[in-house]
Amino acid sequence: MTVSLATNHDGKIAVSQGRGSKVPLRILITACLVVPVTALFCSLPPRSTPTVHAYSNSRSQSGAALFHEKGCEHCHGVDGRGGELGPSLSIVGKRLSKAQIEHQIHDGGAAMPAFGDVLQPDEIKDLVEYLHSKRKAPKGTAAKVQPATP
């Protein structure tokens, strides 16, 4: 098959593919651009939808279990409502950022000992998610507002 450029009766350039069929040059150029762009687009990895809420929720649940298992309740009371040694954590998520909570757990401060050497990094992250989710005082109790300590 031979391909040649020719002008049609309107004076437009067309590509002749032999036997009298002519394809307009614009269609040929468009096809040459669309096919590679489509192939490139299809080869890109799919966008992932962030699952922050589900991930945070599971971390928060793990953190609640760790809060009990690791003995945080000894100082901060059941469900972090305050104890004899530690302050109430019932609204700590409202008072402190995640970074501040993580720093407090890892390095300690004020009367709280450091737990960075005792807890694994994933355990600290789970505890941070759990504590940061605590933003409302439990019904029937007034949460004592403690000053933020970095």
C-alpha atoms as a PDB file:
ATOM      1  CA  MET A   1       0.000   0.000   0.000  1.00  0.00           C
ATOM      2  CA  THR A   2       1.306   3.435  -0.846  1.00  0.00           C
ATOM      3  CA  VAL A   3       0.546   6.559   1.156  1.00  0.00           C
ATOM      4  CA  SER A   4       0.702   9.961  -0.472  1.00  0.00           C
ATOM      5  CA  LEU A   5      -0.450  13.469   0.349  1.00  0.00           C
ATOM      6  CA  ALA A   6      -2.953  15.075  -1.984  1.00  0.00           C
ATOM      7  CA  THR A   7      -5.449  17.898  -1.959  1.00  0.00           C
ATOM      8  CA  ASN A   8      -9.114  17.114  -2.272  1.00  0.00           C
ATOM      9  CA  HIS A   9     -11.675  19.060  -4.279  1.00  0.00           C
ATOM     10  CA  ASP A  10     -12.048  21.621  -1.406  1.00  0.00           C
ATOM     11  CA  GLY A  11      -8.327  22.341  -1.456  1.00  0.00           C
ATOM     12  CA  LYS A  12      -7.688  20.559   1.874  1.00  0.00           C
ATOM     13  CA  ILE A  13      -4.743  18.247   2.370  1.00  0.00           C
ATOM     14  CA  ALA A  14      -5.630  14.560   2.629  1.00  0.00           C
ATOM     15  CA  VAL A  15      -3.638  11.362   2.855  1.00  0.00           C
ATOM     16  CA  SER A  16      -4.269   8.923   0.070  1.00  0.00           C
ATOM     17  CA  GLN A  17      -3.954   5.235   0.951  1.00  0.00           C
ATOM     18  CA  GLY A  18      -4.293   3.945  -2.539  1.00  0.00           C
ATOM     19  CA  ARG A  19      -7.449   2.721  -4.327  1.00  0.00           C
ATOM     20  CA  GLY A  20      -8.965   6.177  -4.108  1.00  0.00           C
ATOM     21  CA  SER A  21      -9.695   6.427  -0.340  1.00  0.00           C
ATOM     22  CA  LYS A  22      -8.511   9.637   1.255  1.00  0.00           C
ATOM     23  CA  VAL A  23      -8.189  10.384   5.002  1.00  0.00           C
ATOM     24  CA  PRO A  24      -8.046  14.048   6.012  1.00  0.00           C
ATOM     25  CA  LEU A  25      -4.687  15.040   7.518  1.00  0.00           C
ATOM     26  CA  ARG A  26      -6.365  16.412  10.659  1.00  0.00           C
ATOM     27  CA  ILE A  27      -7.811  12.987  11.475  1.00  0.00           C
ATOM     28  CA  LEU A  28      -4.442  11.323  10.935  1.00  0.00           C
ATOM     29  CA  ILE A  29      -2.627  13.827  13.186  1.00  0.00           C
ATOM     30  CA  THR A  30      -5.326  13.567  15.857  1.00  0.00           C
ATOM     31  CA  ALA A  31      -5.124   9.786  15.814  1.00  0.00           C
ATOM     32  CA  CYS A  32      -1.332   9.942  16.095  1.00  0.00           C
ATOM     33  CA  LEU A  33      -1.638  12.144  19.203  1.00  0.00           C
ATOM     34  CA  VAL A  34      -4.645  10.508  20.879  1.00  0.00           C
ATOM     35  CA  VAL A  35      -3.335   6.947  20.794  1.00  0.00           C
ATOM     36  CA  PRO A  36      -0.027   7.618  22.648  1.00  0.00           C
ATOM     37  CA  VAL A  37      -1.692   9.950  25.172  1.00  0.00           C
ATOM     38  CA  THR A  38      -4.364   7.341  25.888  1.00  0.00           C
ATOM     39  CA  ALA A  39      -1.727   4.635  26.278  1.00  0.00           C
ATOM     40  CA  LEU A  40       0.248   6.860  28.673  1.00  0.00           C
ATOM     41  CA  PHE A  41      -2.857   7.669  30.715  1.00  0.00           C
ATOM     42  CA  CYS A  42      -3.814   4.006  30.988  1.00  0.00           C
ATOM     43  CA  SER A  43      -0.312   3.064  32.160  1.00  0.00           C
ATOM     44  CA  LEU A  44      -0.429   5.457  35.145  1.00  0.00           C
ATOM     45  CA  PRO A  45      -1.066   3.860  38.531  1.00  0.00           C
ATOM     46  CA  PRO A  46      -4.625   4.304  39.798  1.00  0.00           C
ATOM     47  CA  ARG A  47      -5.266   7.053  42.310  1.00  0.00           C
ATOM     48  CA  SER A  48      -5.718   5.741  45.776  1.00  0.00           C
ATOM     49  CA  THR A  49      -8.543   7.080  47.853  1.00  0.00           C
ATOM     50  CA  PRO A  50      -7.276   8.029  51.292  1.00  0.00           C
ATOM     51  CA  THR A  51      -8.789   5.932  54.055  1.00  0.00           C
ATOM     52  CA  VAL A  52      -7.782   8.168  56.894  1.00  0.00           C
ATOM     53  CA  HIS A  53     -11.006   7.820  58.836  1.00  0.00           C
ATOM     54  CA  ALA A  54     -11.087   4.035  58.809  1.00  0.00           C
ATOM     55  CA  TYR A  55      -7.367   3.817  59.558  1.00  0.00           C
ATOM     56  CA  SER A  56      -7.624   6.347  62.372  1.00  0.00           C
ATOM     57  CA  ASN A  57     -10.656   4.566  63.794  1.00  0.00           C
ATOM     58  CA  SER A  58      -8.850   1.214  63.963  1.00  0.00           C
ATOM     59  CA  ARG A  59      -5.805   2.923  65.477  1.00  0.00           C
ATOM     60  CA  SER A  60      -8.040   4.656  67.983  1.00  0.00           C
ATOM     61  CA  GLN A  61      -9.594   1.335  68.983  1.00  0.00           C
ATOM     62  CA  SER A  62      -6.141  -0.225  69.331  1.00  0.00           C
ATOM     63  CA  GLY A  63      -5.082   2.777  71.387  1.00  0.00           C
ATOM     64  CA  ALA A  64      -8.044   2.325  73.734  1.00  0.00           C
ATOM     65  CA  ALA A  65      -7.006  -1.281  74.322  1.00  0.00           C
ATOM     66  CA  LEU A  66      -3.383  -0.234  74.860  1.00  0.00           C
ATOM     67  CA  PHE A  67      -4.463   2.459  77.316  1.00  0.00           C
ATOM     68  CA  HIS A  68      -5.873  -0.324  79.471  1.00  0.00           C
ATOM     69  CA  GLU A  69      -3.191  -2.981  78.773  1.00  0.00           C
ATOM     70  CA  LYS A  70      -0.167  -0.737  79.355  1.00  0.00           C
ATOM     71  CA  GLY A  71      -1.465   0.571  82.667  1.00  0.00           C
ATOM     72  CA  CYS A  72      -2.276   4.167  81.719  1.00  0.00           C
ATOM     73  CA  GLU A  73      -5.416   3.790  83.837  1.00  0.00           C
ATOM     74  CA  HIS A  74      -3.301   3.525  86.997  1.00  0.00           C
ATOM     75  CA  CYS A  75      -2.576   7.263  86.833  1.00  0.00           C
ATOM     76  CA  HIS A  76      -5.247   8.651  84.497  1.00  0.00           C
ATOM     77  CA  GLY A  77      -8.195   6.567  85.673  1.00  0.00           C
ATOM     78  CA  VAL A  78     -10.585   4.346  83.757  1.00  0.00           C
ATOM     79  CA  ASP A  79     -11.090   5.663  80.234  1.00  0.00           C
ATOM     80  CA  GLY A  80      -8.761   8.566  81.079  1.00  0.00           C
ATOM     81  CA  ARG A  81     -11.284  10.314  83.349  1.00  0.00           C
ATOM     82  CA  GLY A  82      -8.625  11.293  85.858  1.00  0.00           C
ATOM     83  CA  GLY A  83      -7.017   9.560  88.772  1.00  0.00           C
ATOM     84  CA  GLU A  84      -5.093  10.342  91.907  1.00  0.00           C
ATOM     85  CA  LEU A  85      -1.765  10.697  90.106  1.00  0.00           C
ATOM     86  CA  GLY A  86      -2.619  11.847  86.603  1.00  0.00           C
ATOM     87  CA  PRO A  87      -4.987  14.412  85.117  1.00  0.00           C
ATOM     88  CA  SER A  88      -8.183  13.661  83.256  1.00  0.00           C
ATOM     89  CA  LEU A  89      -7.602  12.989  79.579  1.00  0.00           C
ATOM     90  CA  SER A  90     -11.276  13.104  78.655  1.00  0.00           C
ATOM     91  CA  ILE A  91     -10.816  16.227  76.475  1.00  0.00           C
ATOM     92  CA  VAL A  92      -7.079  16.007  75.805  1.00  0.00           C
ATOM     93  CA  GLY A  93      -7.731  15.844  72.035  1.00  0.00           C
ATOM     94  CA  LYS A  94      -9.321  19.275  72.249  1.00  0.00           C
ATOM     95  CA  ARG A  95      -6.440  20.777  74.240  1.00  0.00           C
ATOM     96  CA  LEU A  96      -3.371  19.228  72.601  1.00  0.00           C
ATOM     97  CA  SER A  97      -2.314  18.487  69.039  1.00  0.00           C
ATOM     98  CA  LYS A  98      -1.270  14.995  67.997  1.00  0.00           C
ATOM     99  CA  ALA A  99       2.369  16.102  68.045  1.00  0.00           C
ATOM    100  CA  GLN A 100       2.041  17.417  71.600  1.00  0.00           C
ATOM    101  CA  ILE A 101       0.352  14.217  72.776  1.00  0.00           C
ATOM    102  CA  GLU A 102       3.048  12.108  71.111  1.00  0.00           C
ATOM    103  CA  HIS A 103       5.801  14.225  72.697  1.00  0.00           C
ATOM    104  CA  GLN A 104       4.205  13.885  76.143  1.00  0.00           C
ATOM    105  CA  ILE A 105       3.961  10.086  75.842  1.00  0.00           C
ATOM    106  CA  HIS A 106       7.430   9.651  74.358  1.00  0.00           C
ATOM    107  CA  ASP A 107       9.416  12.149  76.454  1.00  0.00           C
ATOM    108  CA  GLY A 108       7.205  12.620  79.503  1.00  0.00           C
ATOM    109  CA  GLY A 109       6.988  15.931  81.270  1.00  0.00           C
ATOM    110  CA  ALA A 110       5.715  17.515  84.461  1.00  0.00           C
ATOM    111  CA  ALA A 111       4.959  14.508  86.694  1.00  0.00           C
ATOM    112  CA  MET A 112       4.573  12.020  83.818  1.00  0.00           C
ATOM    113  CA  PRO A 113       7.469   9.654  83.127  1.00  0.00           C
ATOM    114  CA  ALA A 114       8.729   9.064  79.574  1.00  0.00           C
ATOM    115  CA  PHE A 115       7.445   5.964  77.801  1.00  0.00           C
ATOM    116  CA  GLY A 116       9.492   6.253  74.585  1.00  0.00           C
ATOM    117  CA  ASP A 117      11.745   3.387  75.645  1.00  0.00           C
ATOM    118  CA  VAL A 118       8.861   1.215  76.876  1.00  0.00           C
ATOM    119  CA  LEU A 119       6.354   1.546  74.019  1.00  0.00           C
ATOM    120  CA  GLN A 120       6.868   0.643  70.368  1.00  0.00           C
ATOM    121  CA  PRO A 121       6.431   3.490  67.831  1.00  0.00           C
ATOM    122  CA  ASP A 122       3.198   1.910  66.522  1.00  0.00           C
ATOM    123  CA  GLU A 123       1.839   1.668  70.059  1.00  0.00           C
ATOM    124  CA  ILE A 124       2.565   5.353  70.634  1.00  0.00           C
ATOM    125  CA  LYS A 125       0.783   6.242  67.378  1.00  0.00           C
ATOM    126  CA  ASP A 126      -2.234   4.160  68.420  1.00  0.00           C
ATOM    127  CA  LEU A 127      -2.343   5.860  71.818  1.00  0.00           C
ATOM    128  CA  VAL A 128      -2.044   9.267  70.142  1.00  0.00           C
ATOM    129  CA  GLU A 129      -5.001   8.484  67.845  1.00  0.00           C
ATOM    130  CA  TYR A 130      -7.069   7.304  70.798  1.00  0.00           C
ATOM    131  CA  LEU A 131      -6.248  10.287  72.990  1.00  0.00           C
ATOM    132  CA  HIS A 132      -6.645  12.812  70.175  1.00  0.00           C
ATOM    133  CA  SER A 133     -10.148  11.446  69.533  1.00  0.00           C
ATOM    134  CA  LYS A 134     -11.114  12.334  73.105  1.00  0.00           C
ATOM    135  CA  ARG A 135     -12.648  15.767  72.560  1.00  0.00           C
ATOM    136  CA  LYS A 136     -15.865  15.732  74.588  1.00  0.00           C
ATOM    137  CA  ALA A 137     -16.275  15.298  78.324  1.00  0.00           C
ATOM    138  CA  PRO A 138     -18.249  12.175  79.230  1.00  0.00           C
ATOM    139  CA  LYS A 139     -21.877  12.868  80.146  1.00  0.00           C
ATOM    140  CA  GLY A 140     -22.516  13.384  83.805  1.00  0.00           C
ATOM    141  CA  THR A 141     -18.969  14.460  84.620  1.00  0.00           C
ATOM    142  CA  ALA A 142     -17.302  17.784  84.213  1.00  0.00           C
ATOM    143  CA  ALA A 143     -13.809  17.428  82.841  1.00  0.00           C
ATOM    144  CA  LYS A 144     -11.124  19.324  84.653  1.00  0.00           C
ATOM    145  CA  VAL A 145      -9.309  21.520  82.182  1.00  0.00           C
ATOM    146  CA  GLN A 146      -5.572  21.115  82.634  1.00  0.00           C
ATOM    147  CA  PRO A 147      -3.174  23.629  81.141  1.00  0.00           C
ATOM    148  CA  ALA A 148      -1.452  22.364  78.014  1.00  0.00           C
ATOM    149  CA  THR A 149       2.048  21.080  78.674  1.00  0.00           C
ATOM    150  CA  PRO A 150       4.248  20.502  75.641  1.00  0.00           C
END
